[in-house]
Amino acid sequence: MHSNNRNHLKVNRLEHEIKGDTSRVITRLHLPDSISRIHKIINRITGLSGKEANNLLNQIMIEFSGRHKNLVIIFKRHLNEVKEYLPQDVMLNDVQKSLIGACFTMEYAIESAALFNPSIVLHPDQSNLKKGCLRFIMSLRATGEGHISSIVFRSGILDSDNRVIFDKTSDFVERPDIRLDPVYEKYLFHLKLNEMEACNEVTTHLLGQLPEEFTFNELSQKINNLKESPAFPAARQNQTFKTMYWLANSNYEVAFNKNNAISERVIFPVSKNESRGIEDARFVQFHNGTGEFTYYATYTAYNGFKILPQLIETKDFIKFKITTMNGKAIQNKGMALFPRKINGRFVMLSRQDGENNRIMLSDNVHFWQESRIIQEPSRPWEFIQVGNCGSPLETDKGWIVLTHGVGPMRKYCIGAMLLDLENPEKVIARLEEPLIAPSEAEREGYVPNVVYTCGAIFHNNDMVIPYGISDIKTGIVTVDVKELISSMHSVN
């Protein structure tokens, strides 16, 4: 590693710019603020004549059935959300039921504001490729109206010359079927509430009435009983109920139609608990040492007031399991898992204090109790804070970690450091200057002067780095791995 090689490090910006498409829309439940309005809307529909109702539904289907693959099913799902408000003395026909569902449905353009902060991993299917080619999956943070973030996907091939060939992006987008965890362990549920500093007399009362393993419905029943017969101040009860539902709703599974293209899949906030979005997923292909692998990703669930670090797990990008991460070291954003165990333990980068790069070791991927600082801001371009930019990549010289640094005027740059292979708590070397800084053409956007990535990949001796540009769109750069390492300064 040399101290005078920085100017020879070539960063190749590819021509690709990945931008959001306003025509890609999902459907969402659309409820008015007042319950009385729900009743009024339903009554207006039931007051239509048979001919009027048929004509209205036909018009809706003409306008919207070409934009969604399963509109009838969507209407049924949203009808079910208002079933408690349906008239008990009227037998609704199928047309009326669909119209009611349609009135409580809205479209949402998931990428209308931005498409940025990508991560990239090997596709689980590497069959039928030409020599020197690699198939990839890219996850991106999509942002739409109200700055609500979700996770979307693209796929494609890196050819033998490191050219990026994206698969066609589907015109359709689908939300998955959602299944809440069938059973919660009371000990773990209580442990997480305690970490969230949410334990009080209300949680003690409710958990005391539940078995050691309980279902979501059992929790809801105990909460409803306490609502009907309050034992504590109403404001305190209601806030506790919200917190417990937030935690319960944050453990679930989703499943997509396996026959649909990966670009049709979107992991959108499942409830009000994630109402402000799913932020900056860092995907990694984790190898368990037996030739099998699982994809993990960390992300942050945000409801506008609190954050809750989450772990995504999938083997095929069709079924995803989402669980809450636990432990006193799980306190902030930006966690990135190493792609394999080191000395028998899981290892993860993190930033608990919002300022320094930290590392954590654990025997269980869901529990993280301790962390230690491995990098503090030291260069002008990172004086405000440093953090990781995705999971480390393994080389025979060490683990390459892409970092981000924030400097004056909140300018974000991407840097790099090298960690010891068997002792990743030790920093071997680092770049003195940014690897990627916002170019003049990249400065403008939703959040100016920002470049940021959530993960890179190796291919044909290069590191391929997709990166967000000023929180609005995504670009791609490549850099020679050997040159990158040789341009780093040794750290004593």
Protein backbone atom coordinates (compact mmCIF):
# COMPACT_ATOMS: atom_id res chain seq x y z
CA MET A 1 0.00 0.00 0.00
CA HIS A 2 1.35 3.36 -1.02
CA SER A 3 0.89 6.92 0.17
CA ASN A 4 1.27 8.66 -3.19
CA ASN A 5 -0.95 6.59 -5.44
CA ARG A 6 -4.27 8.36 -5.00
CA ASN A 7 -4.09 10.24 -8.31
CA HIS A 8 -3.65 6.98 -10.22
CA LEU A 9 -6.85 5.42 -8.87
CA LYS A 10 -9.28 5.49 -11.76
CA VAL A 11 -12.97 5.57 -10.93
CA ASN A 12 -15.02 4.80 -14.03
CA ARG A 13 -18.50 6.31 -14.05
CA LEU A 14 -20.80 4.25 -16.27
CA GLU A 15 -23.42 5.89 -18.43
CA HIS A 16 -26.32 4.25 -16.61
CA GLU A 17 -28.64 6.44 -14.57
CA ILE A 18 -31.46 4.62 -12.82
CA LYS A 19 -34.41 6.93 -12.33
CA GLY A 20 -37.82 6.51 -10.80
CA ASP A 21 -40.80 5.81 -13.05
CA THR A 22 -44.00 7.66 -12.07
CA SER A 23 -46.13 5.13 -13.98
CA ARG A 24 -45.19 2.30 -11.61
CA VAL A 25 -48.02 2.33 -9.10
CA ILE A 26 -49.25 0.10 -6.32
CA THR A 27 -52.61 0.21 -4.56
CA ARG A 28 -53.03 1.25 -0.93
CA LEU A 29 -55.88 1.33 1.53
CA HIS A 30 -57.43 4.81 1.54
CA LEU A 31 -59.53 5.59 4.60
CA PRO A 32 -60.96 8.98 5.60
CA ASP A 33 -60.02 10.38 8.99
CA SER A 34 -63.56 10.22 10.35
CA ILE A 35 -65.46 6.97 10.91
CA SER A 36 -68.70 8.77 10.10
CA ARG A 37 -67.42 9.40 6.58
CA ILE A 38 -66.86 5.67 6.09
CA HIS A 39 -70.54 5.05 6.84
CA LYS A 40 -71.59 7.87 4.48
CA ILE A 41 -69.48 6.51 1.60
CA ILE A 42 -70.91 3.02 2.00
CA ASN A 43 -74.46 4.40 2.15
CA ARG A 44 -73.91 6.37 -1.07
CA ILE A 45 -72.87 3.17 -2.84
CA THR A 46 -75.79 1.11 -1.56
CA GLY A 47 -78.09 3.94 -2.65
CA LEU A 48 -77.15 3.53 -6.31
CA SER A 49 -79.51 1.73 -8.63
CA GLY A 50 -78.35 -1.55 -10.10
CA LYS A 51 -77.68 0.08 -13.46
CA GLU A 52 -75.75 2.98 -11.91
CA ALA A 53 -73.62 0.59 -9.85
CA ASN A 54 -72.81 -1.60 -12.85
CA ASN A 55 -71.91 1.39 -15.01
CA LEU A 56 -69.64 2.82 -12.31
CA LEU A 57 -67.81 -0.46 -11.75
CA ASN A 58 -67.38 -0.98 -15.50
CA GLN A 59 -65.85 2.49 -15.81
CA ILE A 60 -63.45 1.79 -12.92
CA MET A 61 -62.35 -1.48 -14.51
CA ILE A 62 -61.80 0.19 -17.89
CA GLU A 63 -59.62 2.89 -16.31
CA PHE A 64 -57.60 0.80 -13.87
CA SER A 65 -57.57 -2.93 -14.75
CA GLY A 66 -54.72 -2.38 -17.20
CA ARG A 67 -52.61 -0.86 -14.44
CA HIS A 68 -52.95 -3.72 -11.93
CA LYS A 69 -52.97 -7.48 -12.37
CA ASN A 70 -55.35 -8.33 -9.52
CA LEU A 71 -57.77 -5.44 -9.10
CA VAL A 72 -60.74 -7.59 -8.03
CA ILE A 73 -58.68 -9.23 -5.30
CA ILE A 74 -57.46 -5.79 -4.15
CA PHE A 75 -61.05 -4.55 -3.85
CA LYS A 76 -61.96 -7.62 -1.79
CA ARG A 77 -58.99 -7.02 0.50
CA HIS A 78 -59.93 -3.39 1.11
CA LEU A 79 -63.60 -4.28 1.55
CA ASN A 80 -62.47 -6.55 4.36
CA GLU A 81 -60.73 -3.57 6.02
CA VAL A 82 -64.10 -1.82 6.46
CA LYS A 83 -66.27 -4.88 7.13
CA GLU A 84 -67.18 -3.68 10.62
CA TYR A 85 -68.85 -0.62 9.07
CA LEU A 86 -70.96 -2.54 6.54
CA PRO A 87 -74.75 -2.39 7.04
CA GLN A 88 -76.11 -5.41 8.85
CA ASP A 89 -79.60 -5.14 7.38
CA VAL A 90 -78.57 -5.09 3.70
CA MET A 91 -77.43 -8.06 1.62
CA LEU A 92 -74.68 -6.63 -0.57
CA ASN A 93 -74.19 -7.99 -4.08
CA ASP A 94 -70.80 -8.51 -5.75
CA VAL A 95 -70.93 -5.21 -7.62
CA GLN A 96 -71.63 -3.24 -4.44
CA LYS A 97 -68.84 -5.07 -2.62
CA SER A 98 -66.34 -4.23 -5.37
CA LEU A 99 -67.44 -0.59 -5.42
CA ILE A 100 -67.01 -0.28 -1.68
CA GLY A 101 -63.52 -1.79 -1.97
CA ALA A 102 -62.72 0.61 -4.83
CA CYS A 103 -63.81 3.65 -2.79
CA PHE A 104 -61.30 2.74 -0.09
CA THR A 105 -58.46 2.14 -2.57
CA MET A 106 -55.89 4.59 -3.93
CA GLU A 107 -52.92 4.38 -6.25
CA TYR A 108 -49.45 5.26 -4.99
CA ALA A 109 -46.49 5.97 -7.28
CA ILE A 110 -43.68 4.33 -5.33
CA GLU A 111 -40.79 5.88 -7.31
CA SER A 112 -42.28 9.28 -8.10
CA ALA A 113 -39.89 11.28 -5.87
CA ALA A 114 -36.65 9.27 -5.94
CA LEU A 115 -34.91 5.96 -6.61
CA PHE A 116 -31.59 5.80 -4.80
CA ASN A 117 -29.30 4.21 -2.15
CA PRO A 118 -28.85 0.83 -3.88
CA SER A 119 -27.23 -2.40 -2.83
CA ILE A 120 -26.24 -5.20 -5.21
CA VAL A 121 -25.77 -8.96 -4.73
CA LEU A 122 -25.32 -12.09 -6.78
CA HIS A 123 -28.61 -13.44 -8.12
CA PRO A 124 -29.42 -16.87 -6.63
CA ASP A 125 -29.69 -18.23 -10.20
CA GLN A 126 -26.36 -18.09 -12.09
CA SER A 127 -27.31 -20.70 -14.71
CA ASN A 128 -27.19 -20.32 -18.51
CA LEU A 129 -24.71 -17.44 -18.57
CA LYS A 130 -21.92 -16.85 -21.04
CA LYS A 131 -18.36 -17.14 -19.75
CA GLY A 132 -17.29 -14.17 -17.69
CA CYS A 133 -20.85 -12.99 -17.02
CA LEU A 134 -22.65 -12.59 -13.73
CA ARG A 135 -26.35 -12.18 -12.93
CA PHE A 136 -27.22 -9.69 -10.18
CA ILE A 137 -30.10 -8.33 -8.13
CA MET A 138 -30.09 -4.68 -7.15
CA SER A 139 -32.26 -3.33 -4.34
CA LEU A 140 -33.09 0.36 -4.24
CA ARG A 141 -34.83 2.76 -1.91
CA ALA A 142 -37.89 4.08 -3.72
CA THR A 143 -39.60 7.21 -2.42
CA GLY A 144 -43.00 8.57 -3.35
CA GLU A 145 -45.63 11.01 -2.12
CA GLY A 146 -45.10 12.05 1.50
CA HIS A 147 -41.49 10.80 1.37
CA ILE A 148 -42.56 7.24 2.18
CA SER A 149 -39.75 4.80 1.37
CA SER A 150 -39.99 1.20 0.21
CA ILE A 151 -37.65 -1.44 -1.22
CA VAL A 152 -37.80 -2.20 -4.94
CA PHE A 153 -35.65 -4.45 -7.09
CA ARG A 154 -33.97 -4.57 -10.48
CA SER A 155 -32.07 -7.45 -12.06
CA GLY A 156 -29.61 -7.83 -14.87
CA ILE A 157 -26.27 -9.13 -16.08
CA LEU A 158 -22.70 -7.86 -15.80
CA ASP A 159 -20.98 -9.11 -18.95
CA SER A 160 -17.33 -10.08 -19.40
CA ASP A 161 -16.41 -6.42 -20.04
CA ASN A 162 -18.31 -5.23 -16.95
CA ARG A 163 -21.04 -3.71 -19.04
CA VAL A 164 -24.38 -3.57 -17.22
CA ILE A 165 -27.35 -5.06 -19.05
CA PHE A 166 -30.54 -4.53 -17.08
CA ASP A 167 -33.55 -6.79 -17.49
CA LYS A 168 -36.65 -5.00 -18.73
CA THR A 169 -38.45 -3.27 -15.87
CA SER A 170 -42.05 -4.43 -15.63
CA ASP A 171 -44.90 -1.94 -16.00
CA PHE A 172 -46.60 -3.63 -13.05
CA VAL A 173 -45.75 -3.53 -9.36
CA GLU A 174 -47.20 -5.87 -6.77
CA ARG A 175 -47.36 -5.88 -3.01
CA PRO A 176 -46.89 -9.28 -1.38
CA ASP A 177 -49.21 -11.33 0.76
CA ILE A 178 -48.42 -10.55 4.40
CA ARG A 179 -48.55 -12.96 7.31
CA LEU A 180 -47.89 -11.75 10.84
CA ASP A 181 -45.82 -14.04 13.05
CA PRO A 182 -48.19 -16.79 14.25
CA VAL A 183 -46.51 -16.98 17.66
CA TYR A 184 -44.52 -14.56 19.81
CA GLU A 185 -42.29 -15.60 22.68
CA LYS A 186 -43.22 -13.54 25.73
CA TYR A 187 -39.65 -13.42 27.04
CA LEU A 188 -38.28 -11.98 23.78
CA PHE A 189 -41.23 -9.62 23.39
CA HIS A 190 -40.68 -8.26 26.89
CA LEU A 191 -36.93 -8.02 26.28
CA LYS A 192 -37.47 -5.88 23.18
CA LEU A 193 -40.00 -3.64 24.94
CA ASN A 194 -37.41 -3.08 27.65
CA GLU A 195 -34.75 -2.17 25.06
CA MET A 196 -37.23 0.29 23.57
CA GLU A 197 -37.65 1.79 27.06
CA ALA A 198 -41.36 1.05 26.74
CA CYS A 199 -41.93 -1.17 29.77
CA ASN A 200 -44.40 0.18 32.31
CA GLU A 201 -47.34 -0.94 34.42
CA VAL A 202 -49.50 -1.35 31.31
CA THR A 203 -47.09 -3.75 29.59
CA THR A 204 -46.66 -5.65 32.87
CA HIS A 205 -50.45 -6.00 33.16
CA LEU A 206 -50.92 -7.20 29.58
CA LEU A 207 -47.96 -9.58 29.43
CA GLY A 208 -49.00 -11.02 32.78
CA GLN A 209 -52.23 -12.18 31.15
CA LEU A 210 -50.55 -13.85 28.18
CA PRO A 211 -49.00 -17.34 27.98
CA GLU A 212 -45.28 -17.89 27.37
CA GLU A 213 -46.06 -18.12 23.66
CA PHE A 214 -48.94 -16.02 22.36
CA THR A 215 -50.51 -15.08 19.05
CA PHE A 216 -51.19 -11.65 17.58
CA ASN A 217 -54.91 -12.21 18.09
CA GLU A 218 -54.38 -13.06 21.76
CA LEU A 219 -52.42 -9.84 22.25
CA SER A 220 -55.15 -7.85 20.46
CA GLN A 221 -57.82 -9.40 22.65
CA LYS A 222 -56.03 -8.45 25.86
CA ILE A 223 -55.52 -4.91 24.57
CA ASN A 224 -59.21 -4.62 23.61
CA ASN A 225 -60.26 -5.88 27.05
CA LEU A 226 -58.14 -3.19 28.69
CA LYS A 227 -59.58 -0.56 26.37
CA GLU A 228 -63.11 -1.53 27.40
CA SER A 229 -62.27 -1.66 31.11
CA PRO A 230 -59.38 0.81 31.64
CA ALA A 231 -57.12 0.22 34.62
CA PHE A 232 -54.60 2.99 33.90
CA PRO A 233 -54.71 6.59 32.59
CA ALA A 234 -56.12 6.60 29.04
CA ALA A 235 -53.21 8.49 27.47
CA ARG A 236 -50.66 6.11 29.00
CA GLN A 237 -52.66 3.07 27.93
CA ASN A 238 -53.08 4.28 24.36
CA GLN A 239 -49.41 5.11 23.91
CA THR A 240 -48.44 1.69 25.26
CA PHE A 241 -50.92 -0.02 22.94
CA LYS A 242 -49.36 1.77 19.96
CA THR A 243 -45.87 0.67 20.99
CA MET A 244 -46.87 -2.95 21.51
CA TYR A 245 -48.68 -3.08 18.18
CA TRP A 246 -45.66 -1.48 16.52
CA LEU A 247 -43.43 -4.22 17.85
CA ALA A 248 -45.90 -7.01 17.01
CA ASN A 249 -46.48 -5.68 13.48
CA SER A 250 -42.73 -5.49 12.89
CA ASN A 251 -42.36 -9.28 12.81
CA TYR A 252 -43.95 -10.77 9.73
CA GLU A 253 -43.44 -12.69 6.49
CA VAL A 254 -44.23 -11.65 2.94
CA ALA A 255 -44.55 -13.76 -0.20
CA PHE A 256 -44.66 -12.69 -3.85
CA ASN A 257 -45.96 -14.49 -6.90
CA LYS A 258 -42.96 -16.53 -8.05
CA ASN A 259 -44.03 -16.24 -11.70
CA ASN A 260 -43.75 -12.46 -11.74
CA ALA A 261 -40.56 -10.56 -12.58
CA ILE A 262 -38.41 -9.40 -9.68
CA SER A 263 -38.91 -5.78 -10.76
CA GLU A 264 -42.61 -6.21 -9.93
CA ARG A 265 -41.88 -6.84 -6.25
CA VAL A 266 -41.99 -4.04 -3.71
CA ILE A 267 -41.59 -4.30 0.06
CA PHE A 268 -43.78 -1.42 1.13
CA PRO A 269 -44.45 -0.39 4.75
CA VAL A 270 -47.01 -2.87 6.04
CA SER A 271 -48.64 -0.64 8.63
CA LYS A 272 -48.64 2.72 10.36
CA ASN A 273 -45.70 1.42 12.35
CA GLU A 274 -43.54 1.94 9.27
CA SER A 275 -45.60 4.87 8.05
CA ARG A 276 -42.56 6.99 7.22
CA GLY A 277 -40.86 4.23 5.37
CA ILE A 278 -38.34 1.44 5.04
CA GLU A 279 -34.92 3.03 4.73
CA ASP A 280 -31.61 1.99 3.16
CA ALA A 281 -31.67 -1.81 3.07
CA ARG A 282 -28.18 -3.31 2.94
CA PHE A 283 -28.43 -6.75 1.32
CA VAL A 284 -25.67 -9.35 1.58
CA GLN A 285 -25.34 -12.93 0.34
CA PHE A 286 -24.39 -14.74 3.54
CA HIS A 287 -22.52 -18.05 3.21
CA ASN A 288 -23.01 -20.58 5.99
CA GLY A 289 -19.89 -22.63 5.20
CA THR A 290 -21.71 -25.63 3.68
CA GLY A 291 -22.15 -24.25 0.20
CA GLU A 292 -25.59 -22.84 0.96
CA PHE A 293 -26.38 -19.19 1.40
CA THR A 294 -29.07 -16.89 2.73
CA TYR A 295 -29.62 -13.25 1.85
CA TYR A 296 -29.86 -10.91 4.80
CA ALA A 297 -30.54 -7.20 4.86
CA THR A 298 -30.86 -4.68 7.63
CA TYR A 299 -33.18 -1.72 7.34
CA THR A 300 -34.79 0.89 9.54
CA ALA A 301 -38.53 0.97 10.21
CA TYR A 302 -39.57 4.55 10.89
CA ASN A 303 -42.94 5.95 11.97
CA GLY A 304 -41.98 9.61 12.10
CA PHE A 305 -41.02 9.51 15.78
CA LYS A 306 -38.99 6.37 16.47
CA ILE A 307 -36.79 3.97 14.53
CA LEU A 308 -36.78 0.19 14.85
CA PRO A 309 -33.86 -1.74 13.28
CA GLN A 310 -35.13 -4.73 11.31
CA LEU A 311 -33.61 -7.81 9.67
CA ILE A 312 -34.79 -9.22 6.35
CA GLU A 313 -34.09 -12.84 5.46
CA THR A 314 -34.69 -14.57 2.13
CA LYS A 315 -33.28 -17.37 0.02
CA ASP A 316 -35.02 -16.63 -3.26
CA PHE A 317 -36.31 -13.00 -3.22
CA ILE A 318 -39.83 -14.46 -3.33
CA LYS A 319 -40.44 -15.14 0.35
CA PHE A 320 -39.06 -12.69 2.90
CA LYS A 321 -39.05 -12.94 6.68
CA ILE A 322 -38.84 -9.65 8.57
CA THR A 323 -37.90 -9.67 12.25
CA THR A 324 -36.93 -7.17 14.90
CA MET A 325 -33.26 -7.05 15.86
CA ASN A 326 -32.48 -7.29 19.55
CA GLY A 327 -29.79 -6.24 22.00
CA LYS A 328 -28.51 -3.08 23.63
CA ALA A 329 -26.14 -2.46 20.70
CA ILE A 330 -29.11 -2.19 18.29
CA GLN A 331 -29.77 1.50 18.74
CA ASN A 332 -29.29 3.28 15.43
CA LYS A 333 -29.28 3.04 11.65
CA GLY A 334 -26.80 1.71 9.13
CA MET A 335 -25.98 -1.86 10.13
CA ALA A 336 -24.19 -4.09 7.60
CA LEU A 337 -23.58 -7.81 8.09
CA PHE A 338 -20.35 -9.51 7.01
CA PRO A 339 -20.96 -12.20 4.33
CA ARG A 340 -19.75 -15.06 6.54
CA LYS A 341 -18.96 -15.90 10.14
CA ILE A 342 -15.47 -15.09 11.36
CA ASN A 343 -14.01 -17.41 14.00
CA GLY A 344 -17.47 -18.91 14.48
CA ARG A 345 -19.28 -15.63 15.12
CA PHE A 346 -21.51 -13.28 13.16
CA VAL A 347 -19.93 -9.88 12.56
CA MET A 348 -21.68 -6.63 11.72
CA LEU A 349 -20.74 -3.01 11.16
CA SER A 350 -22.89 -0.36 12.83
CA ARG A 351 -23.08 3.26 13.93
CA GLN A 352 -24.78 3.46 17.33
CA ASP A 353 -23.75 7.02 18.11
CA GLY A 354 -24.46 8.64 14.75
CA GLU A 355 -20.81 9.60 14.37
CA ASN A 356 -18.35 6.69 14.36
CA ASN A 357 -17.93 3.39 12.55
CA ARG A 358 -18.39 0.49 14.95
CA ILE A 359 -18.18 -3.28 14.79
CA MET A 360 -20.20 -5.93 16.62
CA LEU A 361 -19.77 -9.68 17.15
CA SER A 362 -22.50 -12.13 18.12
CA ASP A 363 -23.34 -15.82 18.34
CA ASN A 364 -26.88 -15.09 17.12
CA VAL A 365 -27.75 -12.97 14.08
CA HIS A 366 -30.79 -11.53 15.89
CA PHE A 367 -29.02 -10.43 19.10
CA TRP A 368 -26.26 -7.84 19.41
CA GLN A 369 -25.13 -6.66 22.82
CA GLU A 370 -21.74 -4.95 22.46
CA SER A 371 -19.98 -2.75 19.94
CA ARG A 372 -16.65 -0.99 19.68
CA ILE A 373 -15.40 1.92 17.58
CA ILE A 374 -13.04 1.05 14.73
CA GLN A 375 -13.09 4.38 12.88
CA GLU A 376 -13.66 7.98 13.94
CA PRO A 377 -13.90 11.08 11.73
CA SER A 378 -10.35 12.22 11.01
CA ARG A 379 -10.27 13.86 7.57
CA PRO A 380 -11.96 17.15 6.62
CA TRP A 381 -14.37 15.43 4.22
CA GLU A 382 -15.70 13.31 7.12
CA PHE A 383 -15.44 15.73 10.07
CA ILE A 384 -19.19 15.54 10.78
CA GLN A 385 -19.61 11.75 10.79
CA VAL A 386 -18.54 8.45 9.25
CA GLY A 387 -20.52 5.30 8.59
CA ASN A 388 -20.48 2.17 6.46
CA CYS A 389 -21.79 1.93 2.92
CA GLY A 390 -22.84 -1.70 2.96
CA SER A 391 -21.47 -5.13 3.77
CA PRO A 392 -17.69 -5.73 3.52
CA LEU A 393 -16.23 -7.53 0.51
CA GLU A 394 -13.56 -10.21 1.05
CA THR A 395 -10.16 -10.18 -0.64
CA ASP A 396 -6.94 -12.04 0.14
CA LYS A 397 -5.58 -8.74 1.52
CA GLY A 398 -8.49 -8.09 3.88
CA TRP A 399 -12.10 -6.95 4.03
CA ILE A 400 -12.81 -3.92 1.87
CA VAL A 401 -15.39 -1.68 3.53
CA LEU A 402 -16.94 1.19 1.65
CA THR A 403 -17.58 4.07 4.04
CA HIS A 404 -19.39 7.36 3.86
CA GLY A 405 -18.14 10.60 5.28
CA VAL A 406 -20.03 13.82 5.89
CA GLY A 407 -18.10 17.07 5.79
CA PRO A 408 -18.77 20.81 5.67
CA MET A 409 -22.07 21.88 4.07
CA ARG A 410 -23.36 18.33 4.70
CA LYS A 411 -21.49 17.01 1.68
CA TYR A 412 -21.53 13.19 1.55
CA CYS A 413 -18.61 11.29 0.00
CA ILE A 414 -17.80 7.59 -0.30
CA GLY A 415 -14.48 6.33 1.06
CA ALA A 416 -12.92 2.93 1.70
CA MET A 417 -10.92 1.09 4.34
CA LEU A 418 -9.41 -2.37 4.72
CA LEU A 419 -10.00 -4.63 7.75
CA ASP A 420 -7.95 -7.64 8.85
CA LEU A 421 -9.42 -10.91 7.53
CA GLU A 422 -9.44 -12.82 10.81
CA ASN A 423 -9.59 -9.84 13.17
CA PRO A 424 -12.00 -7.41 11.48
CA GLU A 425 -11.87 -5.12 14.53
CA LYS A 426 -8.43 -4.08 13.21
CA VAL A 427 -8.22 -1.44 10.45
CA ILE A 428 -5.24 -2.18 8.18
CA ALA A 429 -5.50 0.67 5.72
CA ARG A 430 -7.79 3.40 4.40
CA LEU A 431 -8.13 5.95 1.64
CA GLU A 432 -7.04 9.43 2.62
CA GLU A 433 -9.34 11.07 0.06
CA PRO A 434 -12.84 10.14 -1.11
CA LEU A 435 -13.25 7.34 -3.60
CA ILE A 436 -16.40 8.99 -4.95
CA ALA A 437 -17.41 12.61 -4.35
CA PRO A 438 -20.40 14.36 -5.91
CA SER A 439 -19.43 15.69 -9.32
CA GLU A 440 -20.76 19.04 -10.47
CA ALA A 441 -23.46 17.19 -12.43
CA GLU A 442 -24.42 15.14 -9.35
CA ARG A 443 -24.84 17.94 -6.82
CA GLU A 444 -28.48 18.78 -7.51
CA GLY A 445 -31.35 16.71 -6.15
CA TYR A 446 -33.76 16.19 -3.28
CA VAL A 447 -30.81 16.31 -0.86
CA PRO A 448 -27.95 18.16 -2.60
CA ASN A 449 -24.27 17.17 -2.52
CA VAL A 450 -24.75 13.51 -1.61
CA VAL A 451 -23.34 10.25 -2.98
CA TYR A 452 -24.21 7.12 -1.01
CA THR A 453 -24.35 3.37 -1.50
CA CYS A 454 -25.68 0.42 0.49
CA GLY A 455 -23.51 -2.26 -1.08
CA ALA A 456 -21.17 -3.22 -3.94
CA ILE A 457 -20.06 -6.39 -5.71
CA PHE A 458 -16.87 -7.82 -7.26
CA HIS A 459 -16.75 -8.82 -10.93
CA ASN A 460 -13.78 -9.40 -13.25
CA ASN A 461 -11.24 -7.80 -10.91
CA ASP A 462 -13.38 -4.70 -10.46
CA MET A 463 -15.58 -3.45 -7.70
CA VAL A 464 -18.95 -2.46 -9.16
CA ILE A 465 -20.57 0.22 -7.02
CA PRO A 466 -24.12 1.43 -7.63
CA TYR A 467 -24.62 4.68 -5.74
CA GLY A 468 -27.37 7.14 -4.93
CA ILE A 469 -27.02 10.64 -6.36
CA SER A 470 -28.33 13.50 -4.18
CA ASP A 471 -31.17 11.29 -2.91
CA ILE A 472 -33.02 11.30 -6.23
CA LYS A 473 -31.47 8.83 -8.71
CA THR A 474 -28.77 6.14 -9.00
CA GLY A 475 -25.52 5.81 -10.94
CA ILE A 476 -22.86 3.09 -11.22
CA VAL A 477 -19.06 3.24 -11.02
CA THR A 478 -16.36 0.61 -11.33
CA VAL A 479 -12.88 0.61 -9.82
CA ASP A 480 -10.03 -1.90 -10.07
CA VAL A 481 -9.80 -3.81 -6.77
CA LYS A 482 -5.99 -4.11 -6.72
CA GLU A 483 -5.58 -0.42 -7.50
CA LEU A 484 -8.06 0.47 -4.78
CA ILE A 485 -6.14 -1.49 -2.17
CA SER A 486 -2.75 -0.19 -3.32
CA SER A 487 -4.03 3.39 -3.10
CA MET A 488 -4.85 3.02 0.59
CA HIS A 489 -2.61 4.31 3.36
CA SER A 490 -1.47 1.83 5.98
CA VAL A 491 -2.87 2.39 9.46
CA ASN A 492 -0.52 1.79 12.37
